[in-house]
Amino acid sequence: MKMKKMIGAFALTAALAMGTAPAFAAQVGTDNDEFSDNGSTEIKAKVDNINPQVRATVPLQVTVVFGSNGGSDIVGPNSSAYKITNVGEGNIKLTEAEITDVNTVFTTTEMGTFGENKFKTYDGNNMEWNEITSGDHLNFTFKADTFENYLTVGHKASEAKGNAKEKLYVENATAWPTDGISIAKGADLPIELGGVAYFTSTFTQDNLTDTLCKIKYTIAAA
């Protein structure tokens, strides 16, 4: 598939904000931010009574790349670089991951793999090949530990199931664990981001520094 340019980046603290995407590369920034309970890049505060048991860090900057027109795969950073690290004094668990604040240039859409100039979509009963003729769409896949599914604005991790429908969007889709994903004291939780994208708009150089979206993580004591 020919790609005119690569576009897309988001930076994260427990919420994604954006960085500049280098061509044909996906990467994680060198800075990390610490959060307790809910993390956000938008509000940073030092609080004296933060629970020392429930603390974690996550990279501030995450870059993904994908084609700027037509259909393409979303390529995320290596899971060895993108991870949540438990820096607290006890075991914790990741209880939620959700996409928020999607740039109005884009929408997040449930889509399957790309082929035959079309994306697979679900009509409520069956998977179908449907051509997308308008709009600019993103469908992120998210993998952490044994969990693997997709994230859109209307489909956060805790709502993910490993049923037949969701396996149409993610081949190895699994249900979100009832008790969340455990992260032992001092341990890492590697995360893999990927997905598919389809664009009918023509993007400019300015779009290379647009915010795509945020991903918000929530942690709790295990």
N, C-alpha and C. Protein backbone atom coordinates (compact mmCIF):
# COMPACT_ATOMS: atom_id res chain seq x y z
N MET A 1 0.84 -1.17 0.00
CA MET A 1 0.00 0.00 0.00
C MET A 1 0.88 1.24 0.00
N LYS A 2 0.68 2.16 -0.91
CA LYS A 2 1.47 3.37 -1.00
C LYS A 2 0.97 4.39 0.00
N MET A 3 1.90 5.00 0.71
CA MET A 3 1.55 6.01 1.68
C MET A 3 2.25 7.31 1.31
N LYS A 4 1.52 8.39 1.17
CA LYS A 4 2.11 9.66 0.79
C LYS A 4 2.95 10.24 1.91
N LYS A 5 2.50 10.09 3.13
CA LYS A 5 3.25 10.53 4.29
C LYS A 5 2.70 9.81 5.50
N MET A 6 3.40 9.92 6.60
CA MET A 6 2.92 9.32 7.82
C MET A 6 2.43 10.43 8.73
N ILE A 7 1.40 10.12 9.52
CA ILE A 7 0.80 11.14 10.37
C ILE A 7 0.40 10.52 11.69
N GLY A 8 0.49 11.29 12.75
CA GLY A 8 -0.11 10.86 13.99
C GLY A 8 0.87 10.70 15.12
N ALA A 9 0.53 11.26 16.23
CA ALA A 9 1.32 11.08 17.43
C ALA A 9 0.45 11.40 18.61
N PHE A 10 0.67 10.70 19.71
CA PHE A 10 0.04 11.14 20.93
C PHE A 10 0.96 10.85 22.10
N ALA A 11 0.94 11.76 23.04
CA ALA A 11 1.85 11.67 24.15
C ALA A 11 1.06 11.38 25.39
N LEU A 12 1.65 10.63 26.31
CA LEU A 12 0.82 10.14 27.37
C LEU A 12 1.47 10.23 28.73
N THR A 13 0.64 10.48 29.66
CA THR A 13 1.08 10.48 31.05
C THR A 13 0.23 9.49 31.80
N ALA A 14 -0.75 9.18 31.40
CA ALA A 14 -1.83 8.30 31.71
C ALA A 14 -2.94 8.84 30.86
N ALA A 15 -2.67 9.92 30.23
CA ALA A 15 -3.54 10.45 29.19
C ALA A 15 -2.65 10.85 28.04
N LEU A 16 -3.09 10.63 26.83
CA LEU A 16 -2.27 10.93 25.67
C LEU A 16 -2.48 12.36 25.21
N ALA A 17 -1.37 13.02 24.95
CA ALA A 17 -1.38 14.32 24.30
C ALA A 17 -0.39 14.17 23.18
N MET A 18 0.02 15.09 22.48
CA MET A 18 0.68 14.82 21.22
C MET A 18 2.11 15.27 21.11
N GLY A 19 2.86 14.60 20.29
CA GLY A 19 4.20 15.01 19.91
C GLY A 19 4.27 14.98 18.41
N THR A 20 5.42 15.33 17.85
CA THR A 20 5.57 15.32 16.40
C THR A 20 5.98 13.93 15.94
N ALA A 21 5.34 13.41 14.92
CA ALA A 21 5.60 12.06 14.46
C ALA A 21 6.69 12.07 13.39
N PRO A 22 7.81 11.42 13.65
CA PRO A 22 8.81 11.29 12.60
C PRO A 22 8.32 10.34 11.53
N ALA A 23 8.76 10.51 10.31
CA ALA A 23 8.28 9.66 9.23
C ALA A 23 8.67 8.21 9.46
N PHE A 24 7.70 7.32 9.27
CA PHE A 24 7.93 5.89 9.31
C PHE A 24 8.59 5.41 10.60
N ALA A 25 8.19 5.98 11.72
CA ALA A 25 8.74 5.53 12.99
C ALA A 25 7.69 5.66 14.07
N ALA A 26 7.71 4.73 15.01
CA ALA A 26 6.86 4.82 16.18
C ALA A 26 7.78 4.79 17.38
N GLN A 27 7.55 5.67 18.33
CA GLN A 27 8.49 5.76 19.44
C GLN A 27 7.83 6.22 20.71
N VAL A 28 8.60 6.11 21.80
CA VAL A 28 8.16 6.55 23.11
C VAL A 28 9.14 7.60 23.59
N GLY A 29 8.64 8.69 24.17
CA GLY A 29 9.50 9.72 24.69
C GLY A 29 10.30 9.24 25.89
N THR A 30 11.33 9.99 26.24
CA THR A 30 12.22 9.59 27.33
C THR A 30 11.68 9.99 28.70
N ASP A 31 10.77 10.94 28.76
CA ASP A 31 10.24 11.41 30.04
C ASP A 31 9.06 10.55 30.48
N ASN A 32 8.96 10.39 31.80
CA ASN A 32 7.82 9.68 32.38
C ASN A 32 7.13 10.60 33.37
N ASP A 33 5.87 10.34 33.62
CA ASP A 33 5.13 11.09 34.62
C ASP A 33 4.51 10.10 35.58
N GLU A 34 4.43 10.51 36.84
CA GLU A 34 3.89 9.62 37.87
C GLU A 34 2.43 9.95 38.12
N PHE A 35 1.64 8.92 38.36
CA PHE A 35 0.24 9.17 38.69
C PHE A 35 -0.23 8.20 39.76
N SER A 36 -1.26 8.61 40.46
CA SER A 36 -1.88 7.79 41.49
C SER A 36 -3.37 7.82 41.25
N ASP A 37 -3.99 6.66 41.10
CA ASP A 37 -5.41 6.54 40.76
C ASP A 37 -5.61 6.89 39.30
N ASN A 38 -5.97 8.15 38.97
CA ASN A 38 -6.15 8.57 37.59
C ASN A 38 -5.02 9.50 37.19
N GLY A 39 -4.50 9.33 35.99
CA GLY A 39 -3.44 10.18 35.53
C GLY A 39 -3.89 11.05 34.38
N SER A 40 -3.31 12.24 34.27
CA SER A 40 -3.66 13.13 33.18
C SER A 40 -2.50 14.07 32.88
N THR A 41 -2.27 14.32 31.60
CA THR A 41 -1.25 15.29 31.24
C THR A 41 -1.75 16.71 31.41
N GLU A 42 -3.04 16.90 31.52
CA GLU A 42 -3.59 18.24 31.52
C GLU A 42 -3.49 18.93 32.88
N ILE A 43 -3.55 18.16 33.94
CA ILE A 43 -3.47 18.73 35.28
C ILE A 43 -2.38 17.99 36.04
N LYS A 44 -1.36 18.73 36.46
CA LYS A 44 -0.28 18.13 37.21
C LYS A 44 -0.23 18.78 38.59
N ALA A 45 -0.30 17.98 39.64
CA ALA A 45 -0.31 18.53 40.98
C ALA A 45 0.54 17.66 41.89
N LYS A 46 1.17 18.28 42.84
CA LYS A 46 1.90 17.56 43.87
C LYS A 46 1.04 17.56 45.13
N VAL A 47 0.67 16.39 45.59
CA VAL A 47 -0.22 16.26 46.75
C VAL A 47 0.51 15.50 47.84
N ASP A 48 0.54 16.06 49.04
CA ASP A 48 1.33 15.47 50.11
C ASP A 48 0.80 14.12 50.56
N ASN A 49 -0.50 13.90 50.43
CA ASN A 49 -1.10 12.67 50.97
C ASN A 49 -1.37 11.63 49.90
N ILE A 50 -0.59 11.60 48.80
CA ILE A 50 -0.72 10.55 47.80
C ILE A 50 -0.46 9.20 48.44
N ASN A 51 -1.29 8.24 48.15
CA ASN A 51 -1.14 6.90 48.70
C ASN A 51 0.17 6.29 48.21
N PRO A 52 1.13 6.03 49.09
CA PRO A 52 2.42 5.47 48.65
C PRO A 52 2.29 4.05 48.13
N GLN A 53 1.17 3.40 48.40
CA GLN A 53 0.97 2.03 47.94
C GLN A 53 0.57 2.00 46.45
N VAL A 54 -0.10 3.05 46.01
CA VAL A 54 -0.69 3.04 44.66
C VAL A 54 -0.06 4.15 43.84
N ARG A 55 1.06 3.85 43.21
CA ARG A 55 1.77 4.83 42.39
C ARG A 55 2.34 4.12 41.17
N ALA A 56 2.33 4.81 40.06
CA ALA A 56 2.85 4.23 38.82
C ALA A 56 3.37 5.33 37.92
N THR A 57 4.20 4.96 36.97
CA THR A 57 4.66 5.89 35.96
C THR A 57 4.32 5.34 34.58
N VAL A 58 4.17 6.26 33.63
CA VAL A 58 3.90 5.88 32.25
C VAL A 58 4.55 6.94 31.37
N PRO A 59 5.07 6.61 30.20
CA PRO A 59 5.73 7.61 29.35
C PRO A 59 4.82 8.78 28.99
N LEU A 60 5.42 9.96 29.00
CA LEU A 60 4.66 11.16 28.66
C LEU A 60 4.37 11.25 27.17
N GLN A 61 5.25 10.73 26.36
CA GLN A 61 5.09 10.89 24.91
C GLN A 61 5.08 9.54 24.21
N VAL A 62 4.06 9.32 23.43
CA VAL A 62 3.95 8.11 22.63
C VAL A 62 3.62 8.52 21.21
N THR A 63 4.33 7.96 20.26
CA THR A 63 4.10 8.29 18.85
C THR A 63 3.64 7.07 18.10
N VAL A 64 2.59 7.21 17.32
CA VAL A 64 2.17 6.16 16.40
C VAL A 64 2.17 6.73 15.00
N VAL A 65 2.30 5.88 14.00
CA VAL A 65 2.32 6.33 12.61
C VAL A 65 1.35 5.51 11.77
N PHE A 66 0.84 6.14 10.74
CA PHE A 66 -0.08 5.48 9.82
C PHE A 66 -0.18 6.31 8.56
N GLY A 67 -0.75 5.74 7.51
CA GLY A 67 -0.86 6.44 6.25
C GLY A 67 -1.78 7.63 6.32
N SER A 68 -1.47 8.66 5.53
CA SER A 68 -2.25 9.89 5.59
C SER A 68 -3.45 9.86 4.66
N ASN A 69 -3.58 8.86 3.81
CA ASN A 69 -4.76 8.78 2.95
C ASN A 69 -5.08 7.31 2.67
N GLY A 70 -6.37 7.02 2.48
CA GLY A 70 -6.77 5.64 2.26
C GLY A 70 -6.66 4.82 3.52
N GLY A 71 -6.51 3.51 3.38
CA GLY A 71 -6.45 2.62 4.52
C GLY A 71 -5.03 2.20 4.84
N SER A 72 -4.73 2.03 6.11
CA SER A 72 -3.40 1.58 6.53
C SER A 72 -3.46 1.05 7.94
N ASP A 73 -2.41 0.34 8.32
CA ASP A 73 -2.26 -0.11 9.69
C ASP A 73 -1.70 1.02 10.54
N ILE A 74 -2.08 1.03 11.82
CA ILE A 74 -1.47 1.93 12.79
C ILE A 74 -0.31 1.17 13.44
N VAL A 75 0.85 1.77 13.44
CA VAL A 75 2.04 1.15 14.03
C VAL A 75 2.39 1.87 15.32
N GLY A 76 2.39 1.15 16.42
CA GLY A 76 2.70 1.73 17.71
C GLY A 76 4.11 1.42 18.15
N PRO A 77 4.53 1.93 19.29
CA PRO A 77 5.88 1.69 19.79
C PRO A 77 6.06 0.27 20.29
N ASN A 78 7.31 -0.13 20.42
CA ASN A 78 7.64 -1.44 20.95
C ASN A 78 7.19 -1.54 22.40
N SER A 79 6.62 -2.69 22.77
CA SER A 79 6.08 -2.85 24.12
C SER A 79 7.17 -2.79 25.19
N SER A 80 8.43 -3.03 24.81
CA SER A 80 9.51 -2.93 25.79
C SER A 80 9.79 -1.48 26.17
N ALA A 81 9.33 -0.55 25.32
CA ALA A 81 9.53 0.87 25.60
C ALA A 81 8.30 1.51 26.20
N TYR A 82 7.13 1.04 25.80
CA TYR A 82 5.87 1.63 26.27
C TYR A 82 5.29 0.73 27.35
N LYS A 83 5.30 1.20 28.58
CA LYS A 83 4.86 0.35 29.69
C LYS A 83 4.48 1.20 30.90
N ILE A 84 3.62 0.63 31.72
CA ILE A 84 3.29 1.21 33.01
C ILE A 84 4.18 0.53 34.04
N THR A 85 4.82 1.32 34.90
CA THR A 85 5.73 0.77 35.91
C THR A 85 5.18 1.06 37.30
N ASN A 86 5.09 0.04 38.12
CA ASN A 86 4.62 0.18 39.49
C ASN A 86 5.78 0.69 40.35
N VAL A 87 5.69 1.95 40.79
CA VAL A 87 6.73 2.54 41.62
C VAL A 87 6.24 2.75 43.05
N GLY A 88 5.11 2.15 43.39
CA GLY A 88 4.56 2.27 44.73
C GLY A 88 5.15 1.26 45.68
N GLU A 89 4.60 1.21 46.86
CA GLU A 89 5.11 0.32 47.90
C GLU A 89 4.33 -0.98 48.01
N GLY A 90 3.35 -1.16 47.13
CA GLY A 90 2.56 -2.39 47.15
C GLY A 90 2.15 -2.79 45.75
N ASN A 91 1.51 -3.94 45.64
CA ASN A 91 1.01 -4.39 44.34
C ASN A 91 -0.19 -3.54 43.92
N ILE A 92 -0.31 -3.32 42.62
CA ILE A 92 -1.41 -2.53 42.09
C ILE A 92 -2.07 -3.28 40.94
N LYS A 93 -3.14 -2.72 40.43
CA LYS A 93 -3.79 -3.30 39.25
C LYS A 93 -4.29 -2.17 38.36
N LEU A 94 -4.22 -2.41 37.06
CA LEU A 94 -4.78 -1.49 36.08
C LEU A 94 -6.26 -1.84 35.95
N THR A 95 -7.12 -0.91 36.34
CA THR A 95 -8.55 -1.20 36.35
C THR A 95 -9.29 -0.66 35.13
N GLU A 96 -8.66 0.27 34.39
CA GLU A 96 -9.32 0.85 33.24
C GLU A 96 -8.33 1.47 32.26
N ALA A 97 -8.67 1.40 30.99
CA ALA A 97 -7.97 2.12 29.93
C ALA A 97 -9.05 2.60 28.98
N GLU A 98 -9.05 3.89 28.68
CA GLU A 98 -10.10 4.42 27.82
C GLU A 98 -9.59 5.59 26.99
N ILE A 99 -10.13 5.72 25.80
CA ILE A 99 -9.81 6.84 24.91
C ILE A 99 -10.75 8.00 25.21
N THR A 100 -10.17 9.19 25.31
CA THR A 100 -10.97 10.40 25.52
C THR A 100 -10.45 11.50 24.60
N ASP A 101 -11.24 12.53 24.44
CA ASP A 101 -10.81 13.76 23.77
C ASP A 101 -10.20 13.52 22.40
N VAL A 102 -10.90 12.80 21.56
CA VAL A 102 -10.41 12.58 20.20
C VAL A 102 -10.45 13.90 19.42
N ASN A 103 -9.39 14.19 18.71
CA ASN A 103 -9.34 15.39 17.88
C ASN A 103 -10.54 15.40 16.93
N THR A 104 -11.15 16.55 16.76
CA THR A 104 -12.33 16.63 15.90
C THR A 104 -12.03 16.33 14.44
N VAL A 105 -10.75 16.34 14.09
CA VAL A 105 -10.36 15.97 12.72
C VAL A 105 -10.63 14.49 12.49
N PHE A 106 -10.58 13.70 13.54
CA PHE A 106 -10.70 12.25 13.45
C PHE A 106 -11.95 11.76 14.18
N THR A 107 -12.32 10.52 13.92
CA THR A 107 -13.29 9.82 14.74
C THR A 107 -12.73 8.44 15.04
N THR A 108 -13.15 7.83 16.13
CA THR A 108 -12.77 6.44 16.38
C THR A 108 -13.95 5.56 16.00
N THR A 109 -13.66 4.52 15.26
CA THR A 109 -14.70 3.70 14.65
C THR A 109 -14.34 2.22 14.79
N GLU A 110 -15.33 1.39 15.08
CA GLU A 110 -15.08 -0.05 15.12
C GLU A 110 -14.85 -0.54 13.69
N MET A 111 -13.63 -0.99 13.43
CA MET A 111 -13.28 -1.46 12.09
C MET A 111 -12.41 -2.70 12.21
N GLY A 112 -12.56 -3.60 11.24
CA GLY A 112 -11.73 -4.77 11.17
C GLY A 112 -10.54 -4.53 10.25
N THR A 113 -9.93 -5.58 9.77
CA THR A 113 -8.76 -5.45 8.92
C THR A 113 -9.12 -4.84 7.58
N PHE A 114 -8.10 -4.28 6.94
CA PHE A 114 -8.30 -3.59 5.66
C PHE A 114 -8.02 -4.55 4.51
N GLY A 115 -8.83 -4.48 3.48
CA GLY A 115 -8.61 -5.30 2.30
C GLY A 115 -9.62 -4.98 1.23
N GLU A 116 -9.27 -5.23 0.00
CA GLU A 116 -10.16 -5.00 -1.13
C GLU A 116 -10.68 -3.56 -1.16
N ASN A 117 -9.81 -2.62 -0.75
CA ASN A 117 -10.17 -1.20 -0.68
C ASN A 117 -11.35 -0.93 0.25
N LYS A 118 -11.58 -1.84 1.19
CA LYS A 118 -12.68 -1.68 2.13
C LYS A 118 -12.22 -2.14 3.52
N PHE A 119 -12.99 -1.75 4.53
CA PHE A 119 -12.78 -2.23 5.88
C PHE A 119 -13.91 -3.18 6.26
N LYS A 120 -13.58 -4.16 7.08
CA LYS A 120 -14.62 -5.00 7.64
C LYS A 120 -15.33 -4.23 8.74
N THR A 121 -16.65 -4.24 8.70
CA THR A 121 -17.46 -3.62 9.74
C THR A 121 -18.55 -4.61 10.16
N TYR A 122 -19.21 -4.31 11.25
CA TYR A 122 -20.22 -5.21 11.81
C TYR A 122 -21.59 -4.57 11.68
N ASP A 123 -22.55 -5.27 11.10
CA ASP A 123 -23.87 -4.68 10.87
C ASP A 123 -24.86 -5.01 11.98
N GLY A 124 -24.38 -5.58 13.06
CA GLY A 124 -25.24 -5.99 14.17
C GLY A 124 -25.46 -7.48 14.22
N ASN A 125 -25.23 -8.15 13.10
CA ASN A 125 -25.37 -9.60 13.05
C ASN A 125 -24.18 -10.29 12.39
N ASN A 126 -23.67 -9.67 11.35
CA ASN A 126 -22.59 -10.30 10.59
C ASN A 126 -21.50 -9.29 10.27
N MET A 127 -20.32 -9.84 9.95
CA MET A 127 -19.22 -9.01 9.50
C MET A 127 -19.36 -8.79 8.01
N GLU A 128 -19.18 -7.57 7.56
CA GLU A 128 -19.32 -7.26 6.14
C GLU A 128 -18.15 -6.41 5.68
N TRP A 129 -17.86 -6.49 4.39
CA TRP A 129 -16.90 -5.58 3.78
C TRP A 129 -17.67 -4.34 3.35
N ASN A 130 -17.30 -3.19 3.89
CA ASN A 130 -17.98 -1.94 3.56
C ASN A 130 -16.96 -0.88 3.19
N GLU A 131 -17.21 -0.21 2.10
CA GLU A 131 -16.32 0.86 1.69
C GLU A 131 -16.64 2.12 2.47
N ILE A 132 -15.62 2.76 3.00
CA ILE A 132 -15.80 4.02 3.70
C ILE A 132 -15.54 5.13 2.71
N THR A 133 -16.53 5.94 2.46
CA THR A 133 -16.42 6.97 1.43
C THR A 133 -16.31 8.38 2.00
N SER A 134 -16.39 8.51 3.32
CA SER A 134 -16.28 9.83 3.93
C SER A 134 -15.73 9.68 5.34
N GLY A 135 -15.22 10.78 5.86
CA GLY A 135 -14.74 10.79 7.23
C GLY A 135 -13.31 10.30 7.37
N ASP A 136 -12.78 10.47 8.56
CA ASP A 136 -11.41 10.08 8.89
C ASP A 136 -11.46 9.29 10.18
N HIS A 137 -11.07 8.02 10.10
CA HIS A 137 -11.39 7.07 11.16
C HIS A 137 -10.14 6.40 11.73
N LEU A 138 -10.19 6.13 13.03
CA LEU A 138 -9.13 5.41 13.73
C LEU A 138 -9.76 4.30 14.56
N ASN A 139 -9.11 3.15 14.58
CA ASN A 139 -9.54 2.06 15.47
C ASN A 139 -8.27 1.51 16.12
N PHE A 140 -8.08 1.79 17.41
CA PHE A 140 -6.87 1.36 18.10
C PHE A 140 -7.04 -0.03 18.69
N THR A 141 -6.02 -0.84 18.55
CA THR A 141 -5.96 -2.11 19.26
C THR A 141 -5.04 -1.93 20.45
N PHE A 142 -5.34 -2.64 21.54
CA PHE A 142 -4.64 -2.45 22.81
C PHE A 142 -4.36 -3.83 23.39
N LYS A 143 -3.11 -4.09 23.71
CA LYS A 143 -2.74 -5.39 24.26
C LYS A 143 -1.89 -5.17 25.50
N ALA A 144 -2.29 -5.83 26.60
CA ALA A 144 -1.55 -5.76 27.85
C ALA A 144 -1.76 -7.07 28.60
N ASP A 145 -0.67 -7.74 28.94
CA ASP A 145 -0.73 -9.03 29.61
C ASP A 145 -1.56 -9.99 28.74
N THR A 146 -2.60 -10.61 29.28
CA THR A 146 -3.41 -11.55 28.50
C THR A 146 -4.59 -10.86 27.81
N PHE A 147 -4.76 -9.56 28.06
CA PHE A 147 -5.87 -8.83 27.45
C PHE A 147 -5.48 -8.30 26.08
N GLU A 148 -6.37 -8.48 25.11
CA GLU A 148 -6.16 -7.93 23.78
C GLU A 148 -7.53 -7.61 23.18
N ASN A 149 -7.75 -6.35 22.86
CA ASN A 149 -9.00 -5.95 22.26
C ASN A 149 -8.82 -4.58 21.63
N TYR A 150 -9.92 -3.93 21.27
CA TYR A 150 -9.81 -2.61 20.65
C TYR A 150 -10.37 -1.54 21.57
N LEU A 151 -9.90 -0.31 21.38
CA LEU A 151 -10.38 0.83 22.14
C LEU A 151 -10.91 1.89 21.18
N THR A 152 -12.14 2.31 21.37
CA THR A 152 -12.69 3.48 20.70
C THR A 152 -13.32 4.33 21.79
N VAL A 153 -13.82 5.51 21.43
CA VAL A 153 -14.44 6.37 22.43
C VAL A 153 -15.59 5.65 23.13
N GLY A 154 -16.35 4.84 22.41
CA GLY A 154 -17.47 4.15 23.01
C GLY A 154 -17.17 2.75 23.48
N HIS A 155 -15.91 2.38 23.55
CA HIS A 155 -15.56 1.00 23.90
C HIS A 155 -14.27 1.01 24.70
N LYS A 156 -14.39 1.20 26.03
CA LYS A 156 -13.21 1.20 26.88
C LYS A 156 -12.86 -0.23 27.29
N ALA A 157 -11.70 -0.39 27.88
CA ALA A 157 -11.18 -1.73 28.16
C ALA A 157 -12.12 -2.56 29.02
N SER A 158 -12.72 -1.95 30.05
CA SER A 158 -13.57 -2.72 30.95
C SER A 158 -14.83 -3.25 30.28
N GLU A 159 -15.17 -2.70 29.10
CA GLU A 159 -16.35 -3.16 28.37
C GLU A 159 -16.00 -4.21 27.32
N ALA A 160 -14.74 -4.50 27.17
CA ALA A 160 -14.30 -5.43 26.13
C ALA A 160 -14.62 -6.87 26.49
N LYS A 161 -15.09 -7.62 25.52
CA LYS A 161 -15.40 -9.04 25.69
C LYS A 161 -14.62 -9.85 24.67
N GLY A 162 -14.45 -11.10 24.95
CA GLY A 162 -13.76 -11.98 24.01
C GLY A 162 -14.73 -12.76 23.15
N ASN A 163 -15.86 -12.13 22.81
CA ASN A 163 -16.89 -12.85 22.08
C ASN A 163 -16.63 -12.84 20.57
N ALA A 164 -17.50 -13.49 19.83
CA ALA A 164 -17.29 -13.66 18.39
C ALA A 164 -17.27 -12.32 17.67
N LYS A 165 -18.13 -11.40 18.06
CA LYS A 165 -18.16 -10.10 17.41
C LYS A 165 -16.81 -9.40 17.54
N GLU A 166 -16.27 -9.37 18.74
CA GLU A 166 -15.03 -8.62 18.94
C GLU A 166 -13.83 -9.33 18.32
N LYS A 167 -13.92 -10.63 18.15
CA LYS A 167 -12.85 -11.34 17.44
C LYS A 167 -12.84 -10.99 15.95
N LEU A 168 -13.93 -10.40 15.47
CA LEU A 168 -13.94 -9.94 14.08
C LEU A 168 -13.10 -8.68 13.93
N TYR A 169 -12.99 -7.89 15.00
CA TYR A 169 -12.18 -6.69 14.96
C TYR A 169 -10.74 -6.95 15.38
N VAL A 170 -10.57 -7.83 16.35
CA VAL A 170 -9.24 -8.20 16.84
C VAL A 170 -9.20 -9.72 16.89
N GLU A 171 -8.35 -10.32 16.08
CA GLU A 171 -8.36 -11.77 15.90
C GLU A 171 -8.25 -12.53 17.22
N ASN A 172 -7.41 -12.05 18.12
CA ASN A 172 -7.20 -12.74 19.39
C ASN A 172 -7.88 -12.03 20.56
N ALA A 173 -9.02 -11.39 20.28
CA ALA A 173 -9.71 -10.60 21.30
C ALA A 173 -10.01 -11.42 22.56
N THR A 174 -9.77 -10.81 23.71
CA THR A 174 -10.06 -11.43 25.00
C THR A 174 -10.82 -10.44 25.87
N ALA A 175 -11.51 -10.95 26.86
CA ALA A 175 -12.30 -10.10 27.75
C ALA A 175 -11.41 -9.40 28.76
N TRP A 176 -11.78 -8.20 29.15
CA TRP A 176 -11.07 -7.48 30.19
C TRP A 176 -11.22 -8.23 31.51
N PRO A 177 -10.13 -8.49 32.23
CA PRO A 177 -10.23 -9.23 33.49
C PRO A 177 -11.12 -8.51 34.50
N THR A 178 -11.96 -9.25 35.18
CA THR A 178 -12.90 -8.67 36.14
C THR A 178 -12.19 -7.85 37.20
N ASP A 179 -11.05 -8.31 37.65
CA ASP A 179 -10.31 -7.62 38.71
C ASP A 179 -9.21 -6.72 38.15
N GLY A 180 -9.20 -6.48 36.86
CA GLY A 180 -8.15 -5.67 36.28
C GLY A 180 -6.88 -6.48 36.03
N ILE A 181 -5.83 -5.80 35.62
CA ILE A 181 -4.55 -6.46 35.32
C ILE A 181 -3.55 -6.12 36.41
N SER A 182 -3.04 -7.13 37.08
CA SER A 182 -2.14 -6.93 38.21
C SER A 182 -0.75 -6.50 37.76
N ILE A 183 -0.14 -5.61 38.56
CA ILE A 183 1.25 -5.19 38.35
C ILE A 183 1.94 -5.26 39.70
N ALA A 184 2.88 -6.18 39.85
CA ALA A 184 3.56 -6.36 41.12
C ALA A 184 4.44 -5.17 41.45
N LYS A 185 4.77 -5.02 42.71
CA LYS A 185 5.66 -3.95 43.15
C LYS A 185 6.97 -4.00 42.38
N GLY A 186 7.35 -2.88 41.77
CA GLY A 186 8.59 -2.80 41.02
C GLY A 186 8.54 -3.39 39.62
N ALA A 187 7.38 -3.92 39.23
CA ALA A 187 7.26 -4.58 37.93
C ALA A 187 6.69 -3.64 36.87
N ASP A 188 6.83 -4.07 35.60
CA ASP A 188 6.31 -3.32 34.46
C ASP A 188 5.12 -4.05 33.85
N LEU A 189 4.24 -3.29 33.22
CA LEU A 189 3.17 -3.84 32.40
C LEU A 189 3.39 -3.33 30.97
N PRO A 190 4.04 -4.13 30.11
CA PRO A 190 4.25 -3.69 28.72
C PRO A 190 2.91 -3.56 28.00
N ILE A 191 2.80 -2.55 27.14
CA ILE A 191 1.57 -2.28 26.39
C ILE A 191 1.89 -2.18 24.91
N GLU A 192 1.06 -2.83 24.10
CA GLU A 192 1.20 -2.75 22.65
C GLU A 192 0.00 -2.00 22.07
N LEU A 193 0.28 -0.97 21.29
CA LEU A 193 -0.76 -0.23 20.58
C LEU A 193 -0.65 -0.50 19.09
N GLY A 194 -1.78 -0.63 18.44
CA GLY A 194 -1.80 -0.82 17.00
C GLY A 194 -3.15 -0.39 16.48
N GLY A 195 -3.58 -1.01 15.38
CA GLY A 195 -4.90 -0.73 14.87
C GLY A 195 -4.94 -0.47 13.39
N VAL A 196 -6.02 0.13 12.94
CA VAL A 196 -6.22 0.44 11.52
C VAL A 196 -6.76 1.86 11.40
N ALA A 197 -6.53 2.46 10.23
CA ALA A 197 -6.98 3.82 9.99
C ALA A 197 -7.45 3.95 8.54
N TYR A 198 -8.36 4.87 8.33
CA TYR A 198 -8.81 5.16 6.96
C TYR A 198 -9.16 6.65 6.88
N PHE A 199 -8.61 7.32 5.87
CA PHE A 199 -8.82 8.75 5.72
C PHE A 199 -9.28 9.10 4.31
N THR A 200 -10.27 9.97 4.24
CA THR A 200 -10.71 10.49 2.96
C THR A 200 -10.31 11.96 2.80
N SER A 201 -9.90 12.62 3.89
CA SER A 201 -9.48 14.02 3.83
C SER A 201 -8.02 14.10 3.38
N THR A 202 -7.65 15.27 2.92
CA THR A 202 -6.25 15.54 2.59
C THR A 202 -5.64 16.32 3.75
N PHE A 203 -4.57 15.79 4.31
CA PHE A 203 -3.95 16.43 5.46
C PHE A 203 -2.79 17.31 5.05
N THR A 204 -2.54 18.33 5.85
CA THR A 204 -1.44 19.24 5.60
C THR A 204 -0.32 18.99 6.59
N GLN A 205 0.78 19.70 6.42
CA GLN A 205 1.91 19.56 7.32
C GLN A 205 1.51 19.90 8.75
N ASP A 206 0.55 20.82 8.91
CA ASP A 206 0.11 21.20 10.25
C ASP A 206 -0.50 20.03 11.01
N ASN A 207 -1.09 19.09 10.29
CA ASN A 207 -1.71 17.94 10.95
C ASN A 207 -0.69 17.04 11.63
N LEU A 208 0.57 17.17 11.25
CA LEU A 208 1.60 16.32 11.83
C LEU A 208 1.85 16.65 13.29
N THR A 209 1.38 17.80 13.74
CA THR A 209 1.53 18.16 15.15
C THR A 209 0.18 18.26 15.85
N ASP A 210 -0.85 17.73 15.25
CA ASP A 210 -2.16 17.71 15.89
C ASP A 210 -2.20 16.66 17.00
N THR A 211 -2.98 16.94 18.04
CA THR A 211 -3.29 15.92 19.04
C THR A 211 -4.29 14.94 18.43
N LEU A 212 -4.03 13.66 18.60
CA LEU A 212 -4.98 12.66 18.12
C LEU A 212 -6.06 12.40 19.16
N CYS A 213 -5.62 12.05 20.36
CA CYS A 213 -6.57 11.68 21.40
C CYS A 213 -5.81 11.53 22.70
N LYS A 214 -6.50 11.13 23.72
CA LYS A 214 -5.88 10.80 25.00
C LYS A 214 -6.27 9.38 25.37
N ILE A 215 -5.37 8.71 26.05
CA ILE A 215 -5.71 7.43 26.67
C ILE A 215 -5.52 7.59 28.16
N LYS A 216 -6.58 7.37 28.89
CA LYS A 216 -6.59 7.55 30.34
C LYS A 216 -6.50 6.18 31.02
N TYR A 217 -5.56 6.06 31.97
CA TYR A 217 -5.41 4.82 32.73
C TYR A 217 -5.82 5.06 34.17
N THR A 218 -6.42 4.06 34.78
CA THR A 218 -6.81 4.11 36.19
C THR A 218 -6.20 2.92 36.91
N ILE A 219 -5.56 3.19 38.06
CA ILE A 219 -4.96 2.10 38.83
C ILE A 219 -5.56 2.08 40.24
N ALA A 220 -5.42 0.94 40.90
CA ALA A 220 -5.91 0.78 42.26
C ALA A 220 -5.02 -0.24 42.97
N ALA A 221 -5.16 -0.34 44.27
CA ALA A 221 -4.42 -1.35 45.03
C ALA A 221 -4.91 -2.73 44.63
N ALA A 222 -3.98 -3.66 44.48
CA ALA A 222 -4.36 -5.03 44.09
C ALA A 222 -4.86 -5.79 45.31
